[in-house]
Amino acid sequence: MSYDVFAEFYDGLTRNVDYKAKADYICDIFKRFNHTPECMLDLACGTGTLTVELKKRGFDIYGVDASFEMLSQAQNKAAEENLEMLFLCQKMQSLNLYGLIDTCICTLDSISHLQGESEVRKTFKKVAEFTEKGGLFIFDVNTLYKHREILGNNTFVYDTDEVFCVWQNTFDSSDNSVKIDLDFFIPLEEKEDCFVRSSESFKEFAYSTDDIKSMLEESGFDVLGVYDDMSFDQPKNDSQRATLVARKL
């Protein structure tokens, strides 16, 4: 999954995401668990909006993502803010850092993009390998409810000044995955009413909270809390995203 075209339009298609509020929430988690990050990793940082926001708040943070195109967007954002930041192009499941971190965040259901439990286990073990004892791993995942009821077999259409996007989902009940097919229609400046079509496809997987907790514990983490998205409440039956906080043993 390279997200070649998706990277170009990702920010425009996710304007509803409040990154400042997400940064506030992450800071609240630090306070809740009396944690002061000294070296933080934003795993699967995408176009780097959250990474840059946390850097602006004074955190020592760098980003990792498997998509070179996404990281190009992230680097441009850092440059616009006159921030010197490191971004590494690596897959989560084969993470290879230069030293230890004491904090790892992974947001916007990036873990759900991993292709099955074996890939999730590899990622958790890699994060554990490079996290100091007592360090925090904070991430969110799609819920089973979201995959079954919200994404499901539904189609969504996004129409912006830059692109017309058709998002089609196919739900597989055998493994609670959703195949996502994206068709981008990009207007040609030199020809009115003419578009270039590009397509990308990928899968997202959902797991029960118990399964996620089990995989974390197998990897050397102690689960400190499981919360509804952007809160410290317990996940509800209709929660679409769950946030987990774990400490390296």
Protein backbone atom coordinates (compact mmCIF):
# COMPACT_ATOMS: atom_id res chain seq x y z
CA MET A 1 0.00 0.00 0.00
CA SER A 2 1.78 3.12 -1.19
CA TYR A 3 -1.12 5.60 -1.10
CA ASP A 4 0.45 7.40 -4.07
CA VAL A 5 -2.59 9.42 -5.13
CA PHE A 6 -4.29 9.30 -1.74
CA ALA A 7 -1.32 11.14 -0.22
CA GLU A 8 -1.88 14.12 -2.51
CA PHE A 9 -5.51 14.54 -1.45
CA TYR A 10 -5.43 13.04 2.05
CA ASP A 11 -5.53 16.35 3.95
CA GLY A 12 -8.33 17.73 1.81
CA LEU A 13 -10.42 14.59 2.33
CA THR A 14 -9.85 14.54 6.11
CA ARG A 15 -10.55 18.18 6.93
CA ASN A 16 -12.98 16.98 9.62
CA VAL A 17 -10.08 15.70 11.75
CA ASP A 18 -9.26 18.14 14.58
CA TYR A 19 -5.53 17.58 15.04
CA LYS A 20 -5.19 20.21 17.75
CA ALA A 21 -7.85 18.41 19.77
CA LYS A 22 -6.02 15.11 19.18
CA ALA A 23 -2.79 16.67 20.44
CA ASP A 24 -4.66 17.97 23.49
CA TYR A 25 -6.02 14.48 24.15
CA ILE A 26 -2.58 12.88 23.89
CA CYS A 27 -1.24 15.48 26.34
CA ASP A 28 -4.13 14.66 28.69
CA ILE A 29 -3.12 10.98 28.54
CA PHE A 30 0.43 11.95 29.51
CA LYS A 31 -0.93 13.87 32.51
CA ARG A 32 -3.26 11.06 33.50
CA PHE A 33 -0.36 8.60 33.71
CA ASN A 34 2.24 11.06 35.01
CA HIS A 35 4.32 10.59 31.88
CA THR A 36 6.81 13.13 30.55
CA PRO A 37 7.98 12.19 27.04
CA GLU A 38 11.61 12.80 26.20
CA CYS A 39 11.77 11.00 22.85
CA MET A 40 8.52 10.36 21.00
CA LEU A 41 7.72 8.47 17.81
CA ASP A 42 4.66 9.12 15.68
CA LEU A 43 4.19 5.72 14.06
CA ALA A 44 2.38 5.74 10.69
CA CYS A 45 2.49 9.53 10.83
CA GLY A 46 0.97 9.98 7.37
CA THR A 47 1.17 13.58 6.17
CA GLY A 48 2.57 14.62 9.54
CA THR A 49 -0.09 17.08 10.72
CA LEU A 50 -0.19 15.65 14.25
CA THR A 51 3.59 15.18 14.34
CA VAL A 52 4.14 18.84 13.50
CA GLU A 53 1.48 19.95 16.00
CA LEU A 54 3.21 18.07 18.82
CA LYS A 55 6.62 19.36 17.74
CA LYS A 56 5.28 22.92 17.94
CA ARG A 57 4.29 22.15 21.54
CA GLY A 58 7.90 21.46 22.41
CA PHE A 59 8.04 17.67 22.20
CA ASP A 60 11.08 15.86 20.80
CA ILE A 61 9.23 13.83 18.16
CA TYR A 62 9.89 12.23 14.79
CA GLY A 63 7.72 10.33 12.35
CA VAL A 64 7.73 7.00 10.56
CA ASP A 65 5.50 5.99 7.66
CA ALA A 66 5.65 3.40 4.89
CA SER A 67 4.55 5.87 2.22
CA PHE A 68 7.21 8.09 0.67
CA GLU A 69 4.45 10.26 -0.81
CA MET A 70 2.87 10.82 2.62
CA LEU A 71 6.26 11.69 4.11
CA SER A 72 6.90 14.22 1.34
CA GLN A 73 3.76 16.03 2.47
CA ALA A 74 4.92 15.80 6.10
CA GLN A 75 8.35 17.22 5.30
CA ASN A 76 6.78 20.14 3.45
CA LYS A 77 4.62 20.94 6.48
CA ALA A 78 7.63 20.91 8.79
CA ALA A 79 9.51 23.21 6.42
CA GLU A 80 6.57 25.63 6.29
CA GLU A 81 6.73 25.86 10.09
CA ASN A 82 10.54 26.23 10.03
CA LEU A 83 10.88 23.03 12.04
CA GLU A 84 13.79 20.64 11.71
CA MET A 85 12.19 17.21 11.90
CA LEU A 86 13.18 13.66 11.05
CA PHE A 87 10.86 11.47 9.01
CA LEU A 88 11.75 7.86 8.21
CA CYS A 89 10.22 5.71 5.47
CA GLN A 90 9.64 2.34 7.11
CA LYS A 91 6.88 -0.21 7.50
CA MET A 92 5.46 -0.52 11.01
CA GLN A 93 6.00 -4.27 11.16
CA SER A 94 9.70 -3.93 10.28
CA LEU A 95 10.47 -0.88 12.40
CA ASN A 96 14.20 -0.28 12.83
CA LEU A 97 15.12 2.79 14.89
CA TYR A 98 18.51 4.27 15.74
CA GLY A 99 17.86 4.19 19.48
CA LEU A 100 15.21 3.77 22.13
CA ILE A 101 12.09 5.88 22.55
CA ASP A 102 9.99 6.41 25.67
CA THR A 103 6.73 7.19 23.89
CA CYS A 104 5.05 5.87 20.76
CA ILE A 105 1.78 7.19 19.36
CA CYS A 106 -0.13 5.71 16.43
CA THR A 107 -3.38 7.43 15.54
CA LEU A 108 -6.26 7.49 13.05
CA ASP A 109 -6.68 3.69 13.10
CA SER A 110 -3.32 3.09 11.43
CA ILE A 111 -3.02 -0.26 13.26
CA SER A 112 -6.23 -1.30 11.49
CA HIS A 113 -4.40 -0.93 8.15
CA LEU A 114 -2.08 -3.80 9.03
CA GLN A 115 -3.00 -6.94 7.12
CA GLY A 116 -4.13 -9.35 9.83
CA GLU A 117 -3.17 -10.40 13.34
CA SER A 118 0.30 -11.61 12.38
CA GLU A 119 1.19 -8.13 11.13
CA VAL A 120 -0.24 -6.53 14.27
CA ARG A 121 1.85 -8.85 16.46
CA LYS A 122 4.99 -8.04 14.47
CA THR A 123 4.32 -4.33 14.90
CA PHE A 124 3.65 -4.57 18.63
CA LYS A 125 6.84 -6.56 19.11
CA LYS A 126 8.86 -4.03 17.12
CA VAL A 127 7.44 -1.14 19.13
CA ALA A 128 8.28 -3.02 22.33
CA GLU A 129 11.81 -3.69 21.08
CA PHE A 130 12.53 0.03 20.70
CA THR A 131 10.59 1.31 23.73
CA GLU A 132 12.29 1.86 27.08
CA LYS A 133 10.97 0.09 30.15
CA GLY A 134 8.12 2.18 31.51
CA GLY A 135 7.53 3.87 28.14
CA LEU A 136 4.01 4.43 26.82
CA PHE A 137 2.42 3.10 23.64
CA ILE A 138 -0.75 5.03 22.75
CA PHE A 139 -2.81 4.09 19.70
CA ASP A 140 -6.34 3.81 18.39
CA VAL A 141 -8.12 1.18 16.32
CA ASN A 142 -11.37 0.81 14.46
CA THR A 143 -14.06 -1.07 16.35
CA LEU A 144 -15.99 -4.07 15.11
CA TYR A 145 -19.11 -1.88 15.18
CA LYS A 146 -17.53 0.64 12.79
CA HIS A 147 -16.58 -2.06 10.31
CA ARG A 148 -19.95 -3.78 10.43
CA GLU A 149 -22.30 -0.81 10.64
CA ILE A 150 -20.53 2.36 9.46
CA LEU A 151 -18.06 1.28 6.80
CA GLY A 152 -19.85 -1.96 5.96
CA ASN A 153 -20.80 -2.22 2.31
CA ASN A 154 -21.39 1.50 1.99
CA THR A 155 -20.23 4.02 -0.58
CA PHE A 156 -19.16 7.59 0.20
CA VAL A 157 -18.61 10.47 -2.19
CA TYR A 158 -16.31 13.43 -1.57
CA ASP A 159 -16.38 16.48 -3.81
CA THR A 160 -13.69 19.13 -3.26
CA ASP A 161 -12.11 21.78 -5.47
CA GLU A 162 -9.11 19.50 -5.99
CA VAL A 163 -10.72 16.10 -6.57
CA PHE A 164 -13.92 14.10 -6.86
CA CYS A 165 -13.52 10.88 -4.85
CA VAL A 166 -15.73 7.79 -4.74
CA TRP A 167 -15.04 5.58 -1.69
CA GLN A 168 -16.54 2.07 -1.95
CA ASN A 169 -16.42 -0.47 0.89
CA THR A 170 -16.84 -4.24 0.89
CA PHE A 171 -17.24 -5.89 4.30
CA ASP A 172 -16.01 -9.45 4.90
CA SER A 173 -17.65 -10.99 7.98
CA SER A 174 -15.18 -13.90 8.05
CA ASP A 175 -12.37 -11.68 9.34
CA ASN A 176 -14.17 -8.37 10.03
CA SER A 177 -12.18 -6.65 7.30
CA VAL A 178 -13.30 -3.91 4.95
CA LYS A 179 -11.88 -3.66 1.44
CA ILE A 180 -11.73 -0.01 0.46
CA ASP A 181 -11.67 0.98 -3.21
CA LEU A 182 -10.91 4.62 -3.92
CA ASP A 183 -11.50 6.23 -7.31
CA PHE A 184 -10.07 9.73 -7.75
CA PHE A 185 -11.27 11.96 -10.57
CA ILE A 186 -8.78 14.81 -10.93
CA PRO A 187 -9.81 17.80 -13.07
CA LEU A 188 -7.54 18.81 -15.93
CA GLU A 189 -6.75 22.52 -15.82
CA GLU A 190 -6.26 22.78 -19.56
CA LYS A 191 -9.53 21.01 -20.49
CA GLU A 192 -12.85 21.99 -18.98
CA ASP A 193 -15.05 19.10 -17.79
CA CYS A 194 -12.23 16.59 -18.31
CA PHE A 195 -10.82 14.41 -15.54
CA VAL A 196 -8.00 11.93 -15.00
CA ARG A 197 -9.07 8.84 -13.08
CA SER A 198 -6.77 7.09 -10.60
CA SER A 199 -7.61 4.20 -8.30
CA GLU A 200 -6.21 2.72 -5.11
CA SER A 201 -7.36 -0.17 -2.92
CA PHE A 202 -6.51 -1.42 0.55
CA LYS A 203 -7.99 -3.35 3.46
CA GLU A 204 -8.62 -2.44 7.08
CA PHE A 205 -9.13 -4.99 9.85
CA ALA A 206 -10.98 -4.75 13.15
CA TYR A 207 -10.37 -6.83 16.29
CA SER A 208 -12.03 -7.28 19.63
CA THR A 209 -10.57 -5.36 22.56
CA ASP A 210 -9.67 -8.65 24.22
CA ASP A 211 -7.67 -9.75 21.17
CA ILE A 212 -5.79 -6.44 21.02
CA LYS A 213 -5.01 -6.59 24.73
CA SER A 214 -3.78 -10.18 24.39
CA MET A 215 -1.44 -9.25 21.54
CA LEU A 216 -0.07 -6.32 23.54
CA GLU A 217 0.59 -8.48 26.58
CA GLU A 218 2.32 -11.11 24.42
CA SER A 219 4.62 -8.35 23.19
CA GLY A 220 5.66 -7.16 26.64
CA PHE A 221 3.14 -4.41 27.37
CA ASP A 222 0.83 -3.86 30.31
CA VAL A 223 -2.52 -2.41 29.22
CA LEU A 224 -3.30 0.63 31.35
CA GLY A 225 -6.56 1.67 29.79
CA VAL A 226 -9.02 1.24 26.93
CA TYR A 227 -11.12 4.31 26.14
CA ASP A 228 -13.75 5.61 23.80
CA ASP A 229 -12.31 7.89 21.13
CA MET A 230 -11.05 11.24 22.47
CA SER A 231 -12.29 10.58 26.00
CA PHE A 232 -11.58 8.61 29.16
CA ASP A 233 -14.96 6.87 29.07
CA GLN A 234 -15.29 3.16 28.46
CA PRO A 235 -16.01 2.24 24.81
CA LYS A 236 -19.72 1.90 24.07
CA ASN A 237 -21.49 -0.63 21.90
CA ASP A 238 -21.62 1.93 19.11
CA SER A 239 -18.15 3.42 19.53
CA GLN A 240 -16.35 3.70 16.20
CA ARG A 241 -12.80 3.96 17.53
CA ALA A 242 -11.07 2.79 20.72
CA THR A 243 -7.89 4.25 22.21
CA LEU A 244 -5.50 1.98 24.08
CA VAL A 245 -2.72 3.01 26.45
CA ALA A 246 -0.05 0.45 27.30
CA ARG A 247 3.20 0.56 29.29
CA LYS A 248 6.35 -1.35 28.38
CA LEU A 249 7.22 -3.86 31.10
